[in-house]
Protein backbone atom coordinates (compact mmCIF):
# COMPACT_ATOMS: atom_id res chain seq x y z
CA MET A 1 -8.34 -0.92 10.36
CA SER A 2 -10.50 -3.36 8.37
CA ARG A 3 -9.69 -6.92 8.81
CA THR A 4 -10.39 -7.51 5.20
CA LEU A 5 -8.32 -4.78 3.33
CA GLY A 6 -5.93 -2.76 5.53
CA PHE A 7 -5.21 0.41 7.31
CA GLU A 8 -6.93 3.89 6.57
CA LEU A 9 -6.20 7.34 7.94
CA ASP A 10 -6.73 10.75 6.82
CA LEU A 11 -3.89 13.35 6.74
CA PRO A 12 -4.21 17.01 6.86
CA LEU A 13 -1.98 17.36 3.79
CA SER A 14 -2.48 18.24 0.40
CA PHE A 15 -2.38 15.20 -2.21
CA ASP A 16 1.08 15.98 -3.21
CA ALA A 17 2.43 16.35 0.28
CA ALA A 18 0.61 13.34 1.44
CA ILE A 19 2.09 11.22 -1.40
CA GLU A 20 5.75 12.71 -0.17
CA ARG A 21 4.97 11.88 3.44
CA VAL A 22 3.71 8.41 2.69
CA THR A 23 6.62 7.53 0.46
CA ALA A 24 9.01 8.63 3.30
CA ALA A 25 7.26 6.68 5.86
CA LEU A 26 7.42 3.45 3.66
CA ALA A 27 11.12 4.18 2.99
CA GLU A 28 11.66 4.08 6.88
CA GLU A 29 10.27 0.58 6.92
CA GLY A 30 12.28 -0.52 3.95
CA PHE A 31 9.80 0.01 1.22
CA GLY A 32 10.30 1.56 -2.07
CA VAL A 33 7.71 2.72 -4.45
CA LEU A 34 8.05 0.84 -7.58
CA THR A 35 4.97 2.13 -9.49
CA ARG A 36 2.70 5.20 -9.23
CA VAL A 37 -0.57 5.13 -11.07
CA ASP A 38 -2.32 8.55 -11.16
CA ILE A 39 -5.69 7.32 -11.64
CA HIS A 40 -7.23 10.96 -12.08
CA GLN A 41 -4.82 11.50 -15.26
CA ALA A 42 -5.67 8.17 -16.40
CA PHE A 43 -9.43 8.87 -16.31
CA LYS A 44 -9.08 11.99 -17.97
CA LYS A 45 -6.88 10.69 -20.88
CA LYS A 46 -8.69 7.39 -21.40
CA LEU A 47 -12.29 8.38 -20.43
CA GLY A 48 -12.28 12.23 -20.85
CA VAL A 49 -13.83 12.47 -17.11
CA GLU A 50 -12.56 14.59 -14.20
CA PHE A 51 -11.74 12.77 -10.96
CA ARG A 52 -10.40 13.91 -7.70
CA PRO A 53 -6.59 13.32 -7.38
CA TYR A 54 -6.15 9.79 -6.51
CA ALA A 55 -2.87 7.56 -6.83
CA ILE A 56 -1.94 3.89 -6.35
CA LEU A 57 1.43 3.52 -5.18
CA GLY A 58 2.98 0.01 -5.45
CA ALA A 59 5.27 -0.44 -2.51
CA CYS A 60 7.90 -3.09 -2.29
CA ASN A 61 10.32 -4.37 0.32
CA PRO A 62 13.05 -6.07 -1.58
CA GLY A 63 13.99 -8.45 0.99
CA LEU A 64 10.33 -9.65 1.90
CA ALA A 65 9.63 -9.94 -1.85
CA HIS A 66 12.65 -11.95 -2.41
CA ARG A 67 11.75 -14.31 0.45
CA ALA A 68 8.22 -14.79 -0.86
CA LEU A 69 9.01 -15.20 -4.48
CA SER A 70 11.82 -17.68 -3.76
CA GLU A 71 9.39 -19.64 -1.49
CA ARG A 72 6.41 -19.77 -4.03
CA PRO A 73 6.62 -17.65 -7.48
CA GLN A 74 2.84 -17.40 -7.47
CA ALA A 75 3.18 -15.12 -4.52
CA GLY A 76 4.04 -12.38 -7.32
CA LEU A 77 0.44 -12.03 -8.04
CA LEU A 78 0.02 -10.38 -4.61
CA LEU A 79 2.95 -7.94 -5.11
CA PRO A 80 3.59 -5.13 -4.88
CA CYS A 81 1.73 -3.94 -1.74
CA ASN A 82 -0.63 -1.23 -2.80
CA VAL A 83 -1.09 2.01 -1.03
CA THR A 84 -3.71 4.73 -2.07
CA VAL A 85 -3.64 8.39 -1.61
CA GLU A 86 -6.62 10.54 -2.59
CA SER A 87 -7.69 14.17 -2.16
CA LEU A 88 -10.51 14.81 0.02
CA GLU A 89 -13.27 17.13 -1.01
CA GLU A 90 -13.29 18.82 2.55
CA GLY A 91 -9.52 19.05 2.44
CA GLY A 92 -6.59 17.00 3.44
CA SER A 93 -5.95 13.21 1.90
CA ARG A 94 -7.03 9.96 2.72
CA VAL A 95 -4.35 7.10 2.66
CA ARG A 96 -5.14 3.33 2.53
CA ILE A 97 -2.60 0.59 3.15
CA ILE A 98 -3.11 -2.92 2.22
CA ASP A 99 -2.72 -5.57 4.96
CA PRO A 100 -0.33 -8.04 3.45
CA ASP A 101 -1.22 -10.72 5.76
CA GLU A 102 -4.77 -10.68 4.93
CA MET A 103 -3.69 -10.73 1.12
CA MET A 104 -1.74 -14.03 2.02
CA LYS A 105 -4.79 -15.53 3.73
CA ALA A 106 -7.20 -14.47 0.87
CA GLY A 107 -4.81 -16.04 -1.60
CA GLY A 108 -4.41 -19.22 0.68
CA LEU A 109 -0.60 -18.65 0.88
CA ASP A 110 -0.82 -17.99 4.78
CA ALA A 111 -0.48 -21.86 5.51
CA ASP A 112 2.95 -21.94 3.99
CA PRO A 113 5.24 -21.28 6.85
CA VAL A 114 7.72 -18.81 5.00
CA LEU A 115 4.93 -16.94 3.22
CA GLY A 116 2.82 -16.75 6.55
CA GLU A 117 5.79 -15.28 8.16
CA VAL A 118 6.52 -12.76 5.32
CA GLY A 119 2.71 -11.66 5.30
CA ARG A 120 2.98 -11.10 9.18
CA GLU A 121 6.30 -9.32 8.92
CA ALA A 122 5.06 -7.00 6.02
CA ARG A 123 1.92 -6.40 8.00
CA ASP A 124 3.96 -5.25 11.09
CA ARG A 125 6.01 -2.86 8.95
CA LEU A 126 3.16 -1.45 7.20
CA SER A 127 1.35 -1.10 10.52
CA ARG A 128 4.25 1.08 11.56
CA VAL A 129 4.01 3.13 8.55
CA ALA A 130 0.40 3.81 9.50
CA ARG A 131 1.12 4.55 12.95
CA ALA A 132 4.13 6.94 11.78
CA LEU A 133 1.52 8.68 9.53
CA GLY A 134 -0.69 9.31 12.79
CA GLY A 135 -3.10 6.38 12.27
CA VAL A 136 -3.91 2.98 13.93
């Protein structure tokens, strides 16, 4: 785990299977995937270049998001929690999960008692996601 970004782990799964597994693990911790950006498709369409399968999933836990936004609307700039899944050349997939507690610190919002607690709770939940996937 990087203290500045989040959790990183490799899965012995294809890109599509990894996205399914990550989505299921997120759901176990109360996160839904609000957005999915398939970077490889966007690069092909917009730039005409090939890129390895790579997706950015925008994960959100509604209860935590509600608490954060009710306290400070600008917390929305840090939402949703991004998770990336990319295909590895040697096989399998790499998953990266943002550390929301670090995002709150970077945004200077961790000093707020409510937002600090929300960031820590989100971090704990996403840490459990990473452990469930076989990492951290």
